[in-house]
């Protein structure tokens, strides 16, 4: 059954190509089309080590197989070109049980069991005029105000319209109106809901997420400045200012990533007043196979950092488990990446990072503190029959005096087939 469903996704996508007018094939609709199928095998285990008692789930542990099909057509000929994009996803349960659900890999049914499978096919129509593109339908934006959070078995997607324009050299303008989402472990359409700090607010939902922004690259593309506005209607509005810069100094490559968010309540104030200003900074220094990082992040105002549920954000100290984005929190990060190609082992990489936060306004009469240590080891096979197969292992220890402690392990295998 799962195999038939995967084939059905491919057939529907291919059918969109076949249905195009014959003259389109001569103008790039078919000639410029691409399709890839990503196979992703994901094991996730999160032990909430400080939760005890028969009525509380102390562990989320599941294993699943995912398939992600991405089809992108070219454009029809003429001053205004038209095309289609399609996103097909299929997730299959390999291991789960009612006492280990909610890992984010699989949807949970009313009976408390994880679904055996879930799938979705989304299509977006696109139109291009010069260097300006309009898309309407299934979208996967990656923005400072709405990051592409592909951190589980299947990626999330959104329904709506987006406009991107690069008519002026170095300047990229974007705007969009989104009305719904398909969450990372759901197949259907969901309302857009907020998340404040680390706490989801799933009792309320918004009818739309609107955004507009500009990124300008200059200085030989070594420097990029961004200015953005976002609105989760009737919940929050947000402004963002960002700056990225890279500078070669001898054998070193130095980098800086700075950002500032200013957020407040919007419209009907469905979750009440909101007051947050967030600053982050992440500095890097690369030499040979080594890259060293140090970062500082601060939350200011009465509330934690707002975002659309359940996304990560570009905050410099946001990591796989903790966000370090609670009310009034201050946090520091140190990180080391190593690419073993420098030692003659291409494809092998490691990341080790440690983040410590304090000064959290818990609202419970004491100062909140937390820390997290992450170790990632990745390897991509470089040759042979399995060339391109990627393996990644992640081990996390996270501790806090105001939220649940976590021990976490992930094992992820990725392989991408280029269909055409």
Protein backbone atom coordinates (compact mmCIF):
# COMPACT_ATOMS: atom_id res chain seq x y z
CA UNK A 1 0.00 0.00 0.00
CA UNK A 2 2.76 2.42 0.91
CA UNK A 3 4.56 1.67 -2.35
CA UNK A 4 1.42 2.33 -4.38
CA UNK A 5 0.86 5.60 -2.62
CA UNK A 6 4.42 6.70 -3.35
CA UNK A 7 3.93 5.83 -7.02
CA UNK A 8 0.67 7.79 -7.01
CA UNK A 9 2.46 10.92 -5.84
CA UNK A 10 4.96 10.58 -8.69
CA UNK A 11 2.26 9.90 -11.27
CA UNK A 12 0.21 12.95 -10.28
CA UNK A 13 3.29 15.16 -10.47
CA UNK A 14 4.28 13.71 -13.83
CA UNK A 15 0.70 14.14 -15.07
CA UNK A 16 0.96 17.87 -14.51
CA UNK A 17 3.86 17.90 -16.97
CA UNK A 18 2.12 15.75 -19.59
CA UNK A 19 -0.95 17.98 -19.49
CA UNK A 20 1.05 21.03 -20.58
CA UNK A 21 0.52 22.32 -24.14
CA UNK A 22 2.86 20.85 -26.73
CA UNK A 23 4.48 24.17 -27.53
CA UNK A 24 5.50 24.50 -23.87
CA UNK A 25 7.91 21.60 -24.30
CA UNK A 26 9.84 23.70 -26.79
CA UNK A 27 9.94 26.71 -24.47
CA UNK A 28 11.35 25.19 -21.33
CA UNK A 29 8.28 24.00 -19.35
CA UNK A 30 9.44 20.40 -19.78
CA UNK A 31 13.07 20.97 -20.81
CA UNK A 32 13.86 22.89 -17.62
CA UNK A 33 11.82 20.63 -15.33
CA UNK A 34 13.53 18.87 -12.42
CA UNK A 35 12.37 16.21 -9.98
CA UNK A 36 14.05 14.66 -6.95
CA UNK A 37 12.95 12.00 -4.48
CA UNK A 38 14.48 12.15 -1.03
CA UNK A 39 14.41 9.03 1.14
CA UNK A 40 14.71 9.80 4.84
CA UNK A 41 14.90 7.24 7.63
CA UNK A 42 14.49 8.85 11.06
CA UNK A 43 14.87 7.48 14.60
CA UNK A 44 14.01 9.91 17.39
CA UNK A 45 14.25 9.36 21.14
CA UNK A 46 13.60 12.06 23.73
CA UNK A 47 13.68 11.08 27.41
CA UNK A 48 12.08 13.59 29.77
CA UNK A 49 14.31 12.51 32.60
CA UNK A 50 12.70 14.53 35.42
CA UNK A 51 9.09 13.44 34.79
CA UNK A 52 7.83 10.56 36.95
CA UNK A 53 4.41 9.08 37.68
CA UNK A 54 1.95 6.79 35.88
CA UNK A 55 -0.07 9.60 34.31
CA UNK A 56 2.79 11.44 32.63
CA UNK A 57 4.57 10.34 29.47
CA UNK A 58 8.25 10.22 30.29
CA UNK A 59 9.57 9.38 26.82
CA UNK A 60 8.91 10.05 23.14
CA UNK A 61 10.52 7.41 20.93
CA UNK A 62 9.56 6.56 17.34
CA UNK A 63 11.10 5.33 14.09
CA UNK A 64 9.75 6.14 10.64
CA UNK A 65 10.53 6.18 6.92
CA UNK A 66 9.84 9.28 4.86
CA UNK A 67 9.67 10.06 1.14
CA UNK A 68 9.85 13.65 -0.13
CA UNK A 69 9.16 14.29 -3.82
CA UNK A 70 9.95 17.72 -5.24
CA UNK A 71 8.97 18.58 -8.81
CA UNK A 72 9.68 21.95 -10.43
CA UNK A 73 8.70 22.72 -14.00
CA UNK A 74 10.33 25.25 -16.24
CA UNK A 75 8.36 28.18 -17.68
CA UNK A 76 6.31 28.50 -20.83
CA UNK A 77 7.81 30.81 -23.51
CA UNK A 78 6.94 34.47 -23.89
CA UNK A 79 7.33 37.65 -21.82
CA UNK A 80 5.21 36.08 -19.06
CA UNK A 81 6.08 32.47 -18.26
CA UNK A 82 3.86 29.99 -16.42
CA UNK A 83 4.77 26.80 -14.58
CA UNK A 84 3.91 24.34 -11.81
CA UNK A 85 5.67 23.08 -8.72
CA UNK A 86 4.59 20.01 -6.74
CA UNK A 87 5.52 18.70 -3.28
CA UNK A 88 4.62 15.11 -2.40
CA UNK A 89 5.32 13.59 1.02
CA UNK A 90 4.74 10.17 2.53
CA UNK A 91 5.58 9.01 6.06
CA UNK A 92 5.44 5.37 7.18
CA UNK A 93 5.55 4.16 10.78
CA UNK A 94 8.27 1.62 11.54
CA UNK A 95 8.05 1.61 15.34
CA UNK A 96 5.90 3.38 17.93
CA UNK A 97 3.54 2.73 20.85
CA UNK A 98 0.93 4.80 22.74
CA UNK A 99 3.33 5.46 25.61
CA UNK A 100 6.03 6.83 23.26
CA UNK A 101 4.10 9.04 20.79
CA UNK A 102 4.40 12.78 20.05
CA UNK A 103 7.98 12.66 18.83
CA UNK A 104 7.08 14.93 15.92
CA UNK A 105 7.65 12.14 13.39
CA UNK A 106 4.10 10.75 13.15
CA UNK A 107 0.55 12.02 13.70
CA UNK A 108 -1.32 10.75 16.76
CA UNK A 109 -4.82 9.34 16.24
CA UNK A 110 -7.80 9.69 18.58
CA UNK A 111 -7.09 6.24 20.04
CA UNK A 112 -3.63 7.38 21.15
CA UNK A 113 -1.81 5.31 18.53
CA UNK A 114 0.53 6.79 15.93
CA UNK A 115 -0.83 6.57 12.38
CA UNK A 116 0.59 3.78 10.22
CA UNK A 117 1.16 6.28 7.41
CA UNK A 118 0.34 9.80 6.31
CA UNK A 119 0.79 11.54 2.98
CA UNK A 120 0.17 14.80 1.19
CA UNK A 121 0.42 16.21 -2.32
CA UNK A 122 0.52 19.98 -2.81
CA UNK A 123 0.78 21.96 -6.04
CA UNK A 124 1.71 25.59 -6.64
CA UNK A 125 1.11 27.53 -9.83
CA UNK A 126 3.84 30.01 -10.68
CA UNK A 127 4.22 32.96 -13.01
CA UNK A 128 7.40 34.82 -13.95
CA UNK A 129 7.86 38.23 -15.51
CA UNK A 130 11.47 39.29 -15.97
CA UNK A 131 13.06 38.60 -12.53
CA UNK A 132 9.80 38.67 -10.59
CA UNK A 133 8.00 35.45 -9.62
CA UNK A 134 4.52 34.89 -8.18
CA UNK A 135 3.55 31.54 -6.63
CA UNK A 136 0.09 30.49 -5.46
CA UNK A 137 -0.61 27.19 -3.71
CA UNK A 138 1.66 24.93 -1.63
CA UNK A 139 4.72 26.86 -0.42
CA UNK A 140 7.83 26.23 1.68
CA UNK A 141 9.17 29.70 2.49
CA UNK A 142 12.49 30.23 4.25
CA UNK A 143 12.48 33.72 5.75
CA UNK A 144 13.89 35.49 8.81
CA UNK A 145 10.30 35.76 10.06
CA UNK A 146 9.24 32.22 9.03
CA UNK A 147 12.08 29.73 8.76
CA UNK A 148 11.97 26.50 6.75
CA UNK A 149 11.86 24.11 9.70
CA UNK A 150 12.77 20.76 8.15
CA UNK A 151 13.79 19.14 11.44
CA UNK A 152 11.77 15.91 11.58
CA UNK A 153 10.70 13.17 9.16
CA UNK A 154 8.81 15.41 6.71
CA UNK A 155 9.02 19.18 6.17
CA UNK A 156 6.10 21.51 6.90
CA UNK A 157 4.41 23.50 4.15
CA UNK A 158 2.06 26.46 3.88
CA UNK A 159 -0.86 27.41 1.69
CA UNK A 160 -1.06 30.88 0.21
CA UNK A 161 0.73 33.23 -2.18
CA UNK A 162 4.29 34.58 -2.37
CA UNK A 163 5.98 37.21 -4.51
CA UNK A 164 9.76 37.43 -5.05
CA UNK A 165 11.49 40.13 -7.11
CA UNK A 166 15.19 40.56 -7.96
CA UNK A 167 14.96 43.28 -10.60
CA UNK A 168 17.68 45.38 -8.96
CA UNK A 169 21.14 43.80 -8.70
CA UNK A 170 21.82 42.68 -5.13
CA UNK A 171 18.31 43.53 -3.90
CA UNK A 172 15.72 40.81 -3.27
CA UNK A 173 12.18 41.85 -2.33
CA UNK A 174 9.64 39.36 -0.96
CA UNK A 175 6.04 39.48 0.22
CA UNK A 176 3.42 36.86 1.00
CA UNK A 177 0.01 35.99 2.39
CA UNK A 178 -0.39 32.55 4.00
CA UNK A 179 -3.70 31.15 5.20
CA UNK A 180 -2.88 27.68 6.50
CA UNK A 181 -0.18 25.14 7.19
CA UNK A 182 0.51 21.41 7.01
CA UNK A 183 2.56 20.64 10.10
CA UNK A 184 5.65 18.44 10.05
CA UNK A 185 3.73 15.41 11.37
CA UNK A 186 0.31 16.05 9.81
CA UNK A 187 -1.12 15.47 6.33
CA UNK A 188 -4.06 17.88 6.45
CA UNK A 189 -4.47 21.64 6.59
CA UNK A 190 -4.19 23.38 9.95
CA UNK A 191 -4.77 26.87 11.24
CA UNK A 192 -1.77 29.07 11.97
CA UNK A 193 -1.06 29.06 15.69
CA UNK A 194 1.45 30.97 17.83
CA UNK A 195 4.28 29.84 20.05
CA UNK A 196 5.66 32.22 22.69
CA UNK A 197 9.10 31.30 23.98
CA UNK A 198 8.95 27.52 24.39
CA UNK A 199 5.18 27.37 25.03
CA UNK A 200 2.70 26.57 22.23
CA UNK A 201 -0.59 28.50 22.40
CA UNK A 202 -2.71 25.99 20.54
CA UNK A 203 -5.97 27.24 22.01
CA UNK A 204 -5.96 30.17 19.56
CA UNK A 205 -5.41 30.42 15.81
CA UNK A 206 -5.02 33.09 13.16
CA UNK A 207 -6.60 33.35 9.73
CA UNK A 208 -3.43 34.61 8.03
CA UNK A 209 0.29 35.25 8.23
CA UNK A 210 1.46 38.25 6.17
CA UNK A 211 5.04 39.26 5.50
CA UNK A 212 7.16 41.68 3.48
CA UNK A 213 10.91 42.10 3.43
CA UNK A 214 14.05 43.12 1.61
CA UNK A 215 17.58 41.69 1.57
CA UNK A 216 20.42 43.65 0.00
CA UNK A 217 23.79 42.01 -0.75
CA UNK A 218 26.79 44.26 -1.43
CA UNK A 219 30.53 44.49 -0.82
CA UNK A 220 31.16 41.69 -3.31
CA UNK A 221 28.27 39.73 -1.72
CA UNK A 222 30.22 39.51 1.51
CA UNK A 223 27.68 41.68 3.33
CA UNK A 224 23.90 41.27 3.43
CA UNK A 225 21.43 43.53 5.23
CA UNK A 226 17.79 42.59 5.74
CA UNK A 227 14.65 44.47 6.81
CA UNK A 228 11.41 42.53 7.37
CA UNK A 229 7.88 42.86 8.69
CA UNK A 230 5.54 40.01 9.68
CA UNK A 231 2.02 39.76 11.06
CA UNK A 232 0.21 36.76 12.51
CA UNK A 233 -3.19 38.39 12.25
CA UNK A 234 -4.86 39.27 15.56
CA UNK A 235 -1.99 37.72 17.53
CA UNK A 236 1.35 39.47 16.93
CA UNK A 237 3.25 41.74 14.57
CA UNK A 238 7.01 41.66 14.24
CA UNK A 239 9.81 43.74 12.72
CA UNK A 240 13.26 42.37 11.97
CA UNK A 241 16.61 43.94 11.13
CA UNK A 242 19.54 41.69 10.24
CA UNK A 243 23.16 41.96 9.11
CA UNK A 244 25.53 39.23 7.90
CA UNK A 245 29.16 39.75 6.91
CA UNK A 246 32.13 37.55 5.94
CA UNK A 247 35.70 38.84 5.77
CA UNK A 248 38.80 36.89 4.68
CA UNK A 249 41.84 37.72 6.83
CA UNK A 250 44.91 35.82 5.70
CA UNK A 251 44.16 32.11 6.05
CA UNK A 252 41.08 32.84 8.18
CA UNK A 253 37.49 33.58 7.20
CA UNK A 254 35.74 35.70 9.82
CA UNK A 255 31.95 36.02 9.99
CA UNK A 256 29.28 37.91 11.89
CA UNK A 257 25.53 37.29 12.01
CA UNK A 258 23.51 39.94 13.88
CA UNK A 259 19.75 40.30 14.22
CA UNK A 260 17.11 42.25 16.13
CA UNK A 261 13.37 41.49 16.44
CA UNK A 262 10.72 43.81 17.84
CA UNK A 263 7.34 42.14 18.50
CA UNK A 264 4.02 43.25 19.96
CA UNK A 265 0.36 42.27 20.00
CA UNK A 266 -1.81 42.71 16.90
CA UNK A 267 -5.47 43.41 16.15
CA UNK A 268 -7.88 41.47 18.39
CA UNK A 269 -5.00 40.41 20.68
CA UNK A 270 -6.17 36.79 20.86
CA UNK A 271 -3.46 35.92 23.39
CA UNK A 272 -3.48 39.32 25.07
CA UNK A 273 -0.68 41.87 25.16
CA UNK A 274 2.74 40.89 23.85
CA UNK A 275 6.04 42.62 24.53
CA UNK A 276 9.29 41.16 23.22
CA UNK A 277 12.52 42.46 21.79
CA UNK A 278 15.15 39.92 20.85
CA UNK A 279 18.79 40.50 19.94
CA UNK A 280 21.20 37.82 18.76
CA UNK A 281 24.80 37.77 17.62
CA UNK A 282 26.87 34.87 16.33
CA UNK A 283 30.51 35.36 15.37
CA UNK A 284 32.59 32.78 13.52
CA UNK A 285 36.22 32.16 12.58
CA UNK A 286 37.14 29.48 10.03
CA UNK A 287 40.63 28.13 9.47
CA UNK A 288 41.31 24.91 7.58
CA UNK A 289 38.80 22.32 8.75
CA UNK A 290 37.99 24.23 11.95
CA UNK A 291 35.18 26.75 12.44
CA UNK A 292 34.82 28.36 15.87
CA UNK A 293 31.70 30.23 17.01
CA UNK A 294 30.73 32.39 19.94
CA UNK A 295 27.28 33.87 20.37
CA UNK A 296 25.21 36.07 22.66
CA UNK A 297 21.42 36.31 22.71
CA UNK A 298 19.11 38.44 24.82
CA UNK A 299 15.33 38.62 25.31
CA UNK A 300 13.90 41.93 26.50
CA UNK A 301 10.34 42.81 27.52
CA UNK A 302 7.62 40.97 29.39
CA UNK A 303 7.28 37.90 27.17
CA UNK A 304 9.26 35.29 25.26
CA UNK A 305 10.02 35.33 21.54
CA UNK A 306 6.93 34.78 19.31
CA UNK A 307 6.86 32.62 16.21
CA UNK A 308 4.44 30.46 14.21
CA UNK A 309 3.95 27.01 15.78
CA UNK A 310 5.93 24.73 15.52
CA UNK A 311 8.90 26.36 13.83
CA UNK A 312 12.50 26.99 14.68
CA UNK A 313 13.75 30.53 14.18
CA UNK A 314 17.00 32.15 12.99
CA UNK A 315 17.89 33.20 16.55
CA UNK A 316 21.60 32.57 16.99
CA UNK A 317 21.24 30.47 20.14
CA UNK A 318 18.20 28.45 19.10
CA UNK A 319 19.23 24.81 18.95
CA UNK A 320 17.50 21.42 18.45
CA UNK A 321 15.88 21.15 21.88
CA UNK A 322 15.89 24.44 23.81
CA UNK A 323 15.24 27.87 22.26
CA UNK A 324 16.80 30.10 24.95
CA UNK A 325 14.02 32.54 24.08
CA UNK A 326 12.04 32.82 27.32
CA UNK A 327 11.09 36.15 28.87
CA UNK A 328 14.17 38.20 29.86
CA UNK A 329 16.55 35.32 29.09
CA UNK A 330 20.23 35.97 28.39
CA UNK A 331 22.33 33.20 26.85
CA UNK A 332 25.85 32.49 25.57
CA UNK A 333 27.01 29.89 23.06
CA UNK A 334 30.35 28.34 22.16
CA UNK A 335 30.56 25.98 19.21
CA UNK A 336 33.15 24.10 17.18
CA UNK A 337 32.63 22.56 13.73
CA UNK A 338 35.19 20.36 12.03
CA UNK A 339 35.34 19.17 8.42
CA UNK A 340 37.53 16.08 8.25
CA UNK A 341 38.25 16.70 4.58
CA UNK A 342 41.18 18.71 5.97
CA UNK A 343 42.57 15.40 7.26
CA UNK A 344 41.84 13.55 4.03
CA UNK A 345 38.43 12.16 5.10
CA UNK A 346 35.90 14.02 2.93
CA UNK A 347 32.25 13.69 3.91
CA UNK A 348 32.85 13.44 7.66
CA UNK A 349 31.85 16.44 9.80
CA UNK A 350 31.24 17.12 13.49
CA UNK A 351 29.54 19.87 15.50
CA UNK A 352 29.92 20.37 19.24
CA UNK A 353 28.15 23.24 20.98
CA UNK A 354 27.24 24.39 24.46
CA UNK A 355 24.68 27.06 25.35
CA UNK A 356 23.93 28.42 28.80
CA UNK A 357 21.03 30.72 29.68
CA UNK A 358 19.88 32.55 32.82
CA UNK A 359 17.87 35.56 34.03
CA UNK A 360 14.59 33.93 32.89
CA UNK A 361 11.43 35.52 34.28
CA UNK A 362 9.57 32.33 35.21
CA UNK A 363 6.65 34.12 36.87
CA UNK A 364 7.08 31.67 39.76
CA UNK A 365 9.24 33.74 42.07
CA UNK A 366 12.66 32.42 41.04
CA UNK A 367 15.22 33.00 38.27
CA UNK A 368 15.10 30.46 35.46
CA UNK A 369 18.31 28.86 34.20
CA UNK A 370 19.02 26.29 31.50
CA UNK A 371 21.82 24.79 29.43
CA UNK A 372 22.21 22.45 26.48
CA UNK A 373 25.06 20.41 25.01
CA UNK A 374 24.78 19.06 21.46
CA UNK A 375 27.02 16.68 19.55
CA UNK A 376 26.37 16.06 15.84
CA UNK A 377 28.37 13.62 13.72
CA UNK A 378 27.62 13.40 10.00
CA UNK A 379 29.02 11.38 7.13
CA UNK A 380 28.16 11.33 3.42
CA UNK A 381 29.45 8.31 1.46
CA UNK A 382 31.72 9.63 -1.29
CA UNK A 383 31.87 6.75 -3.78
CA UNK A 384 30.55 3.33 -4.69
CA UNK A 385 26.99 2.05 -4.95
CA UNK A 386 25.87 4.07 -1.92
CA UNK A 387 27.47 7.35 -3.01
CA UNK A 388 25.50 10.29 -1.64
CA UNK A 389 23.96 8.39 1.29
CA UNK A 390 24.12 10.62 4.35
CA UNK A 391 24.18 9.47 7.96
CA UNK A 392 23.78 11.86 10.90
CA UNK A 393 23.84 11.12 14.63
CA UNK A 394 22.77 13.70 17.21
CA UNK A 395 23.12 13.44 20.99
CA UNK A 396 21.64 16.14 23.25
CA UNK A 397 21.65 16.79 26.97
CA UNK A 398 19.48 19.72 28.11
CA UNK A 399 18.81 20.79 31.69
CA UNK A 400 16.61 23.48 33.25
CA UNK A 401 15.20 24.50 36.63
CA UNK A 402 11.88 25.73 35.16
CA UNK A 403 11.09 23.33 32.30
CA UNK A 404 11.52 19.62 31.61
CA UNK A 405 15.02 18.14 31.43
CA UNK A 406 15.76 16.27 28.21
CA UNK A 407 18.10 13.51 27.04
CA UNK A 408 17.81 13.09 23.29
CA UNK A 409 19.20 10.93 20.50
CA UNK A 410 18.51 11.07 16.77
CA UNK A 411 19.71 8.86 13.93
CA UNK A 412 18.93 10.13 10.43
CA UNK A 413 19.70 8.57 7.05
CA UNK A 414 19.18 10.63 3.88
CA UNK A 415 19.46 9.68 0.26
CA UNK A 416 18.31 11.82 -2.68
CA UNK A 417 17.51 10.37 -6.13
CA UNK A 418 17.56 12.75 -9.08
CA UNK A 419 14.65 11.59 -11.24
CA UNK A 420 15.28 14.10 -14.05
